[in-house]
Amino acid sequence: MKIMKYLLLISLLTLVFTASAFANNENDPRRADEWFMKDRLKSPAPKSNKSLEDYVKEGNERLKNKERYGEVVYDQSKFPRYVMIFRDDSFIYWLDTEALRWREMPYSAFEDMVDCWVKMEDISADKEYTYPEKYYMEHLYLRPKKQQIMFLSELEVTGKPDNNIKERRYKPEFWEELVPGSVEQEIYKGTLAVLKVLEKKGVVRESEKKEKYNFFEDTLGIAGIF
């Protein structure tokens, strides 16, 4: 009988100490970080704050690990042909650096415009799987002086593109204003930032009319991004 009493007393004391320790643990400020982490896991994921440098590094790793396009040969000593400038839930946007150039703007003696091609890789959950891989290409003009963009064509390509595209003719009324936070604005900013790097490396010839406006620093505020 005495043994039963001792066992019962020991059980009660164990229960009291366990409850006390648990209460002290809950109030221990050192465990606030665990509570914060649990609460954060219940919250939606924060929006991506990746910089262009982050996209370039990630894009280079993708090209190094898997040549997604037949003409791409990754060489770390050279600037890659395709640079990832933006991504969302549906597409990765690759800038073709070989096709990037300044060209004279029609009907204007004081401005040049940027001519660029963007390749869009479908990464959506419901994308259609094909072999060769299907992707999309957009041909764009950028107008840095006015922060405007013009769409010339969009192609759906499987394998290599044909050279029989039909594009709309240049018309001044086709220039569009950039909507803040839009995909077009991200493409615009990323393209100009890459263009700046290529001009410094001498890969792309600088515009002869560029000195009339320093749009990289005065308009975009992206000086020194690389």
Foldseek 3Di string as FASTA:
>chain_A
DVVVVVVVVVVVVVVVVVVVVVVVVVVPPVCVVVVVVVVVVVDDDDDDPDDQVNQQVVVLVVCVVDPLAPVWDRDPVDRTQWGFQDDDQFWTKTWGNLQWAWDCDPPDPQFIKIWTKIKIATPHPPDDQDVVGKTKMWIKIAGLVQRWIATFDMDIDRHDDDPPDDTDDDDPVRTDHDDPPDPVSSVRLSSVVVVVVCCVVVNYPDDPNCVVDVSVCPPVNCPPVD
